[in-house]
Amino acid sequence: MTQQATNQRSVLYLSYDGMTDPLGQSQVLPYLCGLSRHGYRFTLISFEKQERFAQNRVAIEHICAQHQIKWLPLPYTKKPPVLSTVYDLLKLQKTASSLHRTNPFNLVHCRSYPMSLIGLYLKRKFGVAFVFDMRGFWADERVDGNLWNLKNPMYNLVYRFFKNKEKQFLETADCTISLTRRAAAEIRSWRHLNQNKVHIEVIPCCVDMELFDPNKVTPQQKEQLCRELNIAPEQQFVLSYLGSLGTWYMTNEMMQFFKTLKTVIPQAVFLLITPDAPDAVLAVAKNNGLQEQDLRITFKPRNQVPAALSLSRYSMFFIKPAYSKMSSSPTKQGEIMAMGIPVLCNAHIGDTDAIVQQYASGICIDNFTPEAYLRAAKTMAETSANPQTAIHIRAGAKDCFSLQSGVEQYLAVYQKILQPTPKLPVHE
């Protein structure tokens, strides 16, 4: 490869999520590792939380070294609200500008809105190609999730600032990545945008089909987990939940559904694979009339999650329906489907319901009522553990969420943006 070709593949990737966070490990590094195999050379800047950084730094450094990714972790500043983010962004702009002046980047790939402020700056000041990987309607999510109260003048100002920047990101970026078709259609309906300047590609949150593979979970692993968690899969119906709780995930409603499920399937147990404190989860369960023996609460590192999930007959998630959630692609949906497990979820969250319907991969409820819960519970009770169904659901995950497909889609975006401008023939 020539030096010129190598230079055309120099990418700065910016993420406010840390690589030592679970999200960084599932939704950033796998893509960069895949793209690096195609000759792209990444400089990755992320903001790391102190405790997780101490725990996982060595593992992330090893992954990055294997794929020639230059990782520059910066410390995440949590307090005070807003000002801490401004401080982090100033640090990032100074670092990114300095790096670019030393070894120019061809493209800056920005994950979500705060990072895209730096992408916009580099695009306007230095002409660096800019990918706006929006991840969702971030400013609206902060409001819908009750993180920003617009009655507070400071949050109202910040919200209006980012909505204005959102327009600039969409119109200035060489490409915008949307996680869902619903969000892309919504953006294309916005009359305040110059649609001729907006270029959107839809790439959902993908899953590593090699890691989330039920055929790689050994009987010994299952037996050990069953002993550890006091689960007897032959006698008990295991409903699982994967991931953190809070903000968007409707813990009370999920507990209420499980209570209904117990009336239909008395031997059901609720397995929660979560980093949340068990005492806090148990408190919510007890407030909803459940007993401690109804639940199994555990936390597993990413490489052990597939084995824990494999105990499930169904896996569920209820997400707070809101305007901004049309742009969300729950990572757990692809991971659950990759394991051949049917999902129980609620409608009106990104493309989730359309995917469940398209691939016959579970149950989607329209509202959170006792009647809806009972119908879903009865359907679960009537669903047999069919190997052919599991194979069909996994095939749906491969078709919709495959990491390989995601890498290929990002690769196509990079190639389209960075392809050399063809020279016009000279006519004498």
Protein backbone atom coordinates (compact mmCIF):
# COMPACT_ATOMS: atom_id res chain seq x y z
CA MET A 1 0.00 0.00 0.00
CA THR A 2 1.40 3.41 -0.91
CA GLN A 3 1.94 6.19 1.59
CA GLN A 4 -0.73 8.24 -0.18
CA ALA A 5 -3.28 5.42 0.13
CA THR A 6 -2.46 5.01 3.82
CA ASN A 7 -2.93 8.73 4.41
CA GLN A 8 -6.36 8.53 2.78
CA ARG A 9 -7.38 6.11 5.54
CA SER A 10 -6.53 8.13 8.66
CA VAL A 11 -9.63 8.39 10.87
CA LEU A 12 -10.22 10.18 14.16
CA TYR A 13 -13.01 8.47 16.12
CA LEU A 14 -14.57 10.41 19.02
CA SER A 15 -16.75 8.82 21.71
CA TYR A 16 -18.06 10.26 24.95
CA ASP A 17 -18.79 6.67 25.99
CA GLY A 18 -15.75 4.98 27.45
CA MET A 19 -14.15 1.94 25.88
CA THR A 20 -13.96 0.43 29.37
CA ASP A 21 -17.77 0.76 29.55
CA PRO A 22 -19.89 -2.16 28.29
CA LEU A 23 -21.29 0.05 25.51
CA GLY A 24 -17.84 0.90 24.19
CA GLN A 25 -16.91 -2.77 24.13
CA SER A 26 -20.08 -3.80 22.28
CA GLN A 27 -20.85 -0.81 20.05
CA VAL A 28 -17.54 0.88 19.23
CA LEU A 29 -14.52 -1.41 19.37
CA PRO A 30 -15.97 -4.28 17.27
CA TYR A 31 -16.65 -1.87 14.39
CA LEU A 32 -13.22 -0.25 14.59
CA CYS A 33 -11.51 -3.64 14.73
CA GLY A 34 -13.44 -4.71 11.63
CA LEU A 35 -12.70 -1.50 9.73
CA SER A 36 -9.02 -1.59 10.68
CA ARG A 37 -8.74 -4.87 8.77
CA HIS A 38 -9.57 -2.88 5.63
CA GLY A 39 -6.59 -0.61 6.10
CA TYR A 40 -8.14 2.24 8.08
CA ARG A 41 -5.92 3.61 10.83
CA PHE A 42 -7.86 4.89 13.79
CA THR A 43 -7.01 7.34 16.49
CA LEU A 44 -9.68 6.72 19.13
CA ILE A 45 -10.43 9.30 21.81
CA SER A 46 -12.88 8.32 24.52
CA PHE A 47 -13.84 9.57 27.97
CA GLU A 48 -13.23 7.02 30.70
CA LYS A 49 -14.78 6.71 34.14
CA GLN A 50 -12.10 6.23 36.79
CA GLU A 51 -13.26 2.93 38.33
CA ARG A 52 -13.99 1.13 35.07
CA PHE A 53 -10.79 2.47 33.54
CA ALA A 54 -8.78 0.96 36.39
CA GLN A 55 -10.55 -2.39 35.98
CA ASN A 56 -10.52 -2.75 32.19
CA ARG A 57 -7.72 -0.55 30.84
CA VAL A 58 -5.27 -3.39 30.15
CA ALA A 59 -7.84 -5.45 28.23
CA ILE A 60 -8.80 -2.48 26.02
CA GLU A 61 -5.16 -1.60 25.39
CA HIS A 62 -4.57 -5.18 24.24
CA ILE A 63 -7.52 -5.08 21.79
CA CYS A 64 -6.39 -1.74 20.38
CA ALA A 65 -2.78 -2.87 19.99
CA GLN A 66 -3.92 -5.99 18.09
CA HIS A 67 -5.73 -3.82 15.53
CA GLN A 68 -3.29 -0.89 15.36
CA ILE A 69 -5.81 1.45 16.96
CA LYS A 70 -4.18 4.38 18.73
CA TRP A 71 -6.28 4.83 21.87
CA LEU A 72 -6.11 8.14 23.72
CA PRO A 73 -8.35 7.89 26.82
CA LEU A 74 -9.34 11.13 28.53
CA PRO A 75 -10.79 11.32 32.06
CA TYR A 76 -14.58 11.78 32.16
CA THR A 77 -15.75 14.74 34.25
CA LYS A 78 -19.11 14.16 35.93
CA LYS A 79 -19.83 17.33 37.94
CA PRO A 80 -21.10 20.01 37.85
CA PRO A 81 -23.82 19.37 35.22
CA VAL A 82 -23.32 21.01 31.81
CA LEU A 83 -20.11 22.77 32.88
CA SER A 84 -18.34 19.41 33.24
CA THR A 85 -19.31 18.56 29.64
CA VAL A 86 -18.11 21.96 28.42
CA TYR A 87 -14.79 21.32 30.17
CA ASP A 88 -14.45 17.88 28.55
CA LEU A 89 -15.27 19.29 25.12
CA LEU A 90 -12.65 22.02 25.45
CA LYS A 91 -10.06 19.39 26.35
CA LEU A 92 -11.14 17.33 23.37
CA GLN A 93 -11.06 20.20 20.88
CA LYS A 94 -7.55 21.14 21.97
CA THR A 95 -6.36 17.51 21.74
CA ALA A 96 -8.00 16.85 18.37
CA SER A 97 -6.68 20.08 16.81
CA SER A 98 -3.16 19.36 18.02
CA LEU A 99 -3.25 15.82 16.66
CA HIS A 100 -4.58 16.97 13.30
CA ARG A 101 -1.86 19.59 12.89
CA THR A 102 0.80 16.95 13.55
CA ASN A 103 -0.67 14.09 11.48
CA PRO A 104 -3.72 15.23 9.49
CA PHE A 105 -6.88 13.15 9.56
CA ASN A 106 -8.96 12.48 6.47
CA LEU A 107 -12.15 11.80 8.39
CA VAL A 108 -13.58 12.42 11.85
CA HIS A 109 -16.26 9.96 12.99
CA CYS A 110 -18.32 11.40 15.85
CA ARG A 111 -20.50 9.27 18.10
CA SER A 112 -23.55 11.31 19.20
CA TYR A 113 -24.11 15.05 19.53
CA PRO A 114 -21.47 16.39 21.98
CA MET A 115 -18.66 14.75 20.01
CA SER A 116 -20.11 16.14 16.78
CA LEU A 117 -19.40 19.67 17.99
CA ILE A 118 -15.72 18.78 17.50
CA GLY A 119 -16.45 17.13 14.15
CA LEU A 120 -18.21 20.26 12.96
CA TYR A 121 -15.26 22.38 14.11
CA LEU A 122 -12.70 20.18 12.31
CA LYS A 123 -14.83 20.14 9.16
CA ARG A 124 -15.18 23.92 9.06
CA LYS A 125 -11.64 24.84 10.12
CA PHE A 126 -9.56 22.14 8.41
CA GLY A 127 -11.90 20.58 5.84
CA VAL A 128 -11.82 17.16 7.51
CA ALA A 129 -14.60 14.86 6.27
CA PHE A 130 -17.25 14.47 8.99
CA VAL A 131 -19.49 11.50 9.88
CA PHE A 132 -22.35 12.39 12.24
CA ASP A 133 -23.14 9.06 13.93
CA MET A 134 -26.16 10.46 15.73
CA ARG A 135 -27.14 7.33 17.73
CA GLY A 136 -30.53 8.92 18.46
CA PHE A 137 -32.30 12.25 18.94
CA TRP A 138 -29.95 13.07 21.79
CA ALA A 139 -31.30 16.46 22.92
CA ASP A 140 -34.89 15.20 22.83
CA GLU A 141 -33.84 12.06 24.71
CA ARG A 142 -32.47 14.22 27.53
CA VAL A 143 -35.85 15.93 27.82
CA ASP A 144 -37.97 12.79 27.39
CA GLY A 145 -35.82 10.97 29.97
CA ASN A 146 -36.38 13.78 32.51
CA LEU A 147 -32.67 14.56 32.55
CA TRP A 148 -33.25 18.11 31.31
CA ASN A 149 -36.19 20.05 32.70
CA LEU A 150 -36.97 22.76 30.16
CA LYS A 151 -38.47 24.91 32.92
CA ASN A 152 -34.91 25.29 34.15
CA PRO A 153 -33.43 28.22 32.13
CA MET A 154 -30.01 26.57 31.89
CA TYR A 155 -31.38 23.30 30.47
CA ASN A 156 -33.74 25.21 28.18
CA LEU A 157 -30.76 27.12 26.78
CA VAL A 158 -28.68 23.96 26.34
CA TYR A 159 -31.59 22.16 24.63
CA ARG A 160 -32.12 25.00 22.13
CA PHE A 161 -28.37 25.15 21.51
CA PHE A 162 -28.20 21.46 20.60
CA LYS A 163 -31.36 21.55 18.46
CA ASN A 164 -29.73 24.33 16.45
CA LYS A 165 -26.51 22.33 16.23
CA GLU A 166 -28.50 19.25 15.19
CA LYS A 167 -29.55 21.11 12.03
CA GLN A 168 -25.93 22.08 11.36
CA PHE A 169 -24.69 18.53 11.93
CA LEU A 170 -27.25 17.09 9.52
CA GLU A 171 -26.60 19.67 6.79
CA THR A 172 -22.80 19.78 7.15
CA ALA A 173 -21.90 16.13 7.70
CA ASP A 174 -20.65 14.15 4.72
CA CYS A 175 -22.87 11.37 6.05
CA THR A 176 -25.31 10.97 8.94
CA ILE A 177 -25.80 7.52 10.47
CA SER A 178 -29.28 6.78 11.85
CA LEU A 179 -29.93 3.67 13.90
CA THR A 180 -33.49 3.26 12.61
CA ARG A 181 -35.57 3.66 9.49
CA ARG A 182 -38.25 5.44 11.52
CA ALA A 183 -35.81 8.15 12.58
CA ALA A 184 -34.46 8.54 9.05
CA ALA A 185 -38.02 9.01 7.74
CA GLU A 186 -38.70 11.54 10.51
CA ILE A 187 -35.59 13.55 9.63
CA ARG A 188 -36.55 13.56 5.97
CA SER A 189 -39.90 15.09 6.94
CA TRP A 190 -38.30 18.08 8.74
CA ARG A 191 -39.08 21.17 6.68
CA HIS A 192 -36.53 23.35 8.50
CA LEU A 193 -33.71 21.33 6.90
CA ASN A 194 -32.23 21.79 3.47
CA GLN A 195 -32.85 18.17 2.51
CA ASN A 196 -30.47 18.41 -0.45
CA LYS A 197 -27.62 18.69 2.05
CA VAL A 198 -28.70 15.74 4.22
CA HIS A 199 -27.19 12.33 3.47
CA ILE A 200 -28.47 9.51 5.71
CA GLU A 201 -27.53 5.85 6.01
CA VAL A 202 -29.36 3.48 8.39
CA ILE A 203 -27.13 1.12 10.40
CA PRO A 204 -28.70 -0.43 13.53
CA CYS A 205 -26.82 -1.44 16.67
CA CYS A 206 -25.14 -4.64 15.55
CA VAL A 207 -24.26 -7.86 17.36
CA ASP A 208 -21.15 -9.99 17.25
CA MET A 209 -22.66 -13.23 15.91
CA GLU A 210 -19.43 -15.07 16.75
CA LEU A 211 -19.70 -14.20 20.44
CA PHE A 212 -23.48 -14.48 20.73
CA ASP A 213 -23.71 -18.01 19.37
CA PRO A 214 -25.77 -20.62 21.26
CA ASN A 215 -23.71 -23.41 19.71
CA LYS A 216 -20.62 -22.16 21.56
CA VAL A 217 -22.23 -22.47 24.99
CA THR A 218 -21.21 -25.85 26.42
CA PRO A 219 -23.44 -28.09 28.57
CA GLN A 220 -20.83 -27.72 31.31
CA GLN A 221 -21.17 -23.93 31.25
CA LYS A 222 -24.96 -24.24 31.53
CA GLU A 223 -24.74 -26.73 34.37
CA GLN A 224 -22.34 -24.52 36.30
CA LEU A 225 -24.58 -21.46 35.84
CA CYS A 226 -27.67 -23.41 36.90
CA ARG A 227 -25.92 -24.48 40.10
CA GLU A 228 -24.67 -20.95 40.74
CA LEU A 229 -28.09 -19.38 40.16
CA ASN A 230 -30.19 -22.19 41.61
CA ILE A 231 -32.10 -22.70 38.36
CA ALA A 232 -33.57 -25.97 37.10
CA PRO A 233 -34.37 -25.27 33.41
CA GLU A 234 -36.27 -28.54 32.98
CA GLN A 235 -38.71 -27.60 35.74
CA GLN A 236 -38.59 -23.79 35.59
CA PHE A 237 -39.52 -21.28 32.89
CA VAL A 238 -36.72 -18.70 32.75
CA LEU A 239 -37.61 -15.17 31.64
CA SER A 240 -34.53 -12.94 31.43
CA TYR A 241 -33.64 -9.29 31.26
CA LEU A 242 -30.22 -8.14 30.00
CA GLY A 243 -28.56 -4.82 30.84
CA SER A 244 -28.78 -1.83 33.12
CA LEU A 245 -32.09 -0.60 34.52
CA GLY A 246 -33.24 2.98 35.01
CA THR A 247 -34.04 6.10 32.94
CA TRP A 248 -35.51 4.36 29.90
CA TYR A 249 -36.11 0.80 31.05
CA MET A 250 -39.48 0.36 32.74
CA THR A 251 -38.55 -1.77 35.72
CA ASN A 252 -41.90 -1.54 37.50
CA GLU A 253 -43.80 -2.57 34.38
CA MET A 254 -41.43 -5.47 33.76
CA MET A 255 -41.93 -6.67 37.34
CA GLN A 256 -45.71 -6.33 36.92
CA PHE A 257 -45.56 -8.41 33.76
CA PHE A 258 -43.53 -11.09 35.52
CA LYS A 259 -46.07 -11.18 38.35
CA THR A 260 -48.76 -11.85 35.71
CA LEU A 261 -46.57 -14.52 34.14
CA LYS A 262 -46.36 -16.27 37.53
CA THR A 263 -50.15 -16.64 37.54
CA VAL A 264 -49.95 -18.45 34.19
CA ILE A 265 -46.64 -20.28 34.72
CA PRO A 266 -46.17 -20.68 38.51
CA GLN A 267 -42.68 -22.17 38.08
CA ALA A 268 -41.37 -19.08 36.22
CA VAL A 269 -38.24 -17.32 37.48
CA PHE A 270 -36.97 -13.89 36.44
CA LEU A 271 -33.24 -13.84 35.62
CA LEU A 272 -31.79 -10.32 35.55
CA ILE A 273 -28.29 -10.10 34.03
CA THR A 274 -27.48 -6.58 35.17
CA PRO A 275 -24.71 -4.44 36.69
CA ASP A 276 -27.31 -2.79 38.94
CA ALA A 277 -27.14 -3.38 42.70
CA PRO A 278 -29.15 -6.49 43.63
CA ASP A 279 -30.67 -4.79 46.69
CA ALA A 280 -32.11 -2.00 44.52
CA VAL A 281 -33.57 -4.52 42.06
CA LEU A 282 -35.07 -6.60 44.88
CA ALA A 283 -36.65 -3.49 46.41
CA VAL A 284 -38.51 -2.77 43.15
CA ALA A 285 -39.57 -6.42 42.92
CA LYS A 286 -40.95 -6.45 46.46
CA ASN A 287 -42.83 -3.19 45.83
CA ASN A 288 -44.56 -5.05 43.00
CA GLY A 289 -45.55 -8.01 45.15
CA LEU A 290 -42.76 -10.41 44.16
CA GLN A 291 -40.62 -12.51 46.48
CA GLU A 292 -36.84 -12.75 46.55
CA GLN A 293 -37.01 -16.42 45.50
CA ASP A 294 -38.79 -15.36 42.28
CA LEU A 295 -35.67 -13.57 41.04
CA ARG A 296 -32.12 -14.47 40.09
CA ILE A 297 -29.84 -11.43 39.86
CA THR A 298 -26.34 -11.70 38.45
CA PHE A 299 -23.74 -9.68 36.58
CA LYS A 300 -21.45 -11.21 33.97
CA PRO A 301 -18.58 -9.79 31.90
CA ARG A 302 -19.37 -9.48 28.23
CA ASN A 303 -17.76 -12.78 27.20
CA GLN A 304 -19.96 -14.68 29.69
CA VAL A 305 -23.26 -12.99 28.81
CA PRO A 306 -24.18 -15.46 26.02
CA ALA A 307 -23.99 -18.41 28.43
CA ALA A 308 -26.20 -16.62 30.96
CA LEU A 309 -28.70 -15.65 28.26
CA SER A 310 -28.83 -19.23 27.00
CA LEU A 311 -30.81 -20.27 30.09
CA SER A 312 -33.77 -18.15 28.89
CA ARG A 313 -37.00 -19.33 27.31
CA TYR A 314 -37.85 -15.67 26.61
CA SER A 315 -36.00 -12.40 27.21
CA MET A 316 -37.82 -9.12 27.75
CA PHE A 317 -37.37 -5.37 27.73
CA PHE A 318 -39.89 -2.58 28.14
CA ILE A 319 -38.66 0.89 27.13
CA LYS A 320 -40.41 4.14 27.97
CA PRO A 321 -42.26 5.19 24.79
CA ALA A 322 -41.45 8.78 23.83
CA TYR A 323 -40.95 10.82 20.68
CA SER A 324 -37.17 10.52 20.83
CA LYS A 325 -37.23 6.73 21.11
CA MET A 326 -38.19 6.33 17.46
CA SER A 327 -34.45 6.76 16.92
CA SER A 328 -33.36 3.97 19.30
CA SER A 329 -32.00 0.55 18.38
CA PRO A 330 -31.76 -1.53 21.57
CA THR A 331 -28.46 -3.43 21.52
CA LYS A 332 -30.02 -6.22 23.55
CA GLN A 333 -32.56 -7.05 20.82
CA GLY A 334 -29.86 -8.23 18.43
CA GLU A 335 -27.98 -10.08 21.17
CA ILE A 336 -31.12 -11.92 22.32
CA MET A 337 -32.10 -12.86 18.76
CA ALA A 338 -28.55 -14.00 17.97
CA MET A 339 -28.94 -16.55 20.77
CA GLY A 340 -32.15 -17.81 19.11
CA ILE A 341 -34.28 -16.57 22.01
CA PRO A 342 -37.68 -14.92 21.40
CA VAL A 343 -38.16 -11.41 22.82
CA LEU A 344 -40.98 -9.73 24.67
CA CYS A 345 -40.93 -5.97 24.10
CA ASN A 346 -43.18 -2.98 23.62
CA ALA A 347 -44.07 -1.23 20.39
CA HIS A 348 -43.09 2.27 19.19
CA ILE A 349 -39.37 1.98 19.98
CA GLY A 350 -37.36 2.53 16.82
CA ASP A 351 -37.79 -0.35 14.38
CA THR A 352 -38.18 -2.90 17.19
CA ASP A 353 -41.79 -3.88 16.54
CA ALA A 354 -41.24 -4.06 12.77
CA ILE A 355 -38.28 -6.40 13.32
CA VAL A 356 -40.26 -8.65 15.68
CA GLN A 357 -43.02 -8.88 13.09
CA GLN A 358 -40.70 -9.37 10.11
CA TYR A 359 -38.73 -12.20 11.68
CA ALA A 360 -41.48 -13.70 13.89
CA SER A 361 -39.02 -13.30 16.74
CA GLY A 362 -41.28 -12.84 19.73
CA ILE A 363 -44.12 -10.82 21.22
CA CYS A 364 -44.66 -7.07 21.01
CA ILE A 365 -47.29 -5.43 23.24
CA ASP A 366 -48.99 -2.13 22.41
CA ASN A 367 -49.75 -0.97 25.97
CA PHE A 368 -48.90 -1.67 29.58
CA THR A 369 -52.19 -3.08 30.85
CA PRO A 370 -53.09 -6.24 32.80
CA GLU A 371 -54.96 -7.48 29.74
CA ALA A 372 -51.92 -7.04 27.47
CA TYR A 373 -49.70 -8.74 30.05
CA LEU A 374 -52.07 -11.70 30.37
CA ARG A 375 -52.28 -12.19 26.59
CA ALA A 376 -48.49 -12.14 26.31
CA ALA A 377 -48.08 -14.51 29.27
CA LYS A 378 -50.51 -17.01 27.75
CA THR A 379 -48.66 -16.84 24.43
CA MET A 380 -45.39 -17.56 26.27
CA ALA A 381 -46.97 -20.54 28.01
CA GLU A 382 -48.09 -21.94 24.67
CA THR A 383 -44.67 -21.45 23.04
CA SER A 384 -42.62 -24.62 22.98
CA ALA A 385 -38.82 -24.58 23.02
CA ASN A 386 -38.43 -25.47 19.35
CA PRO A 387 -34.88 -25.78 17.91
CA GLN A 388 -36.18 -24.76 14.46
CA THR A 389 -37.67 -21.58 15.91
CA ALA A 390 -34.33 -20.76 17.55
CA ILE A 391 -32.52 -21.27 14.22
CA HIS A 392 -35.06 -19.02 12.47
CA ILE A 393 -34.69 -16.24 15.06
CA ARG A 394 -30.89 -16.39 14.87
CA ALA A 395 -31.10 -16.16 11.08
CA GLY A 396 -33.18 -13.00 11.53
CA ALA A 397 -30.48 -11.53 13.76
CA LYS A 398 -27.85 -12.29 11.14
CA ASP A 399 -29.95 -10.64 8.44
CA CYS A 400 -30.74 -7.53 10.48
CA PHE A 401 -28.01 -7.03 13.12
CA SER A 402 -24.88 -8.83 11.92
CA LEU A 403 -21.67 -7.08 12.93
CA GLN A 404 -20.10 -8.13 9.64
CA SER A 405 -22.92 -6.43 7.75
CA GLY A 406 -22.56 -3.33 9.95
CA VAL A 407 -18.83 -3.13 9.27
CA GLU A 408 -19.50 -3.47 5.53
CA GLN A 409 -22.05 -0.65 5.68
CA TYR A 410 -19.62 1.64 7.53
CA LEU A 411 -16.91 0.63 5.07
CA ALA A 412 -19.14 1.69 2.17
CA VAL A 413 -19.73 5.06 3.87
CA TYR A 414 -15.99 5.62 4.40
CA GLN A 415 -15.14 4.59 0.83
CA LYS A 416 -17.79 6.87 -0.64
CA ILE A 417 -16.55 9.85 1.37
CA LEU A 418 -12.82 9.26 0.97
CA GLN A 419 -12.68 8.02 -2.60
CA PRO A 420 -10.28 10.17 -4.65
CA THR A 421 -11.95 12.73 -6.84
CA PRO A 422 -11.60 11.43 -10.42
CA LYS A 423 -9.45 13.64 -12.62
CA LEU A 424 -11.22 15.02 -15.65
CA PRO A 425 -9.55 14.33 -19.00
CA VAL A 426 -7.56 17.21 -20.41
CA HIS A 427 -8.66 18.29 -23.89
CA GLU A 428 -6.04 20.10 -25.90
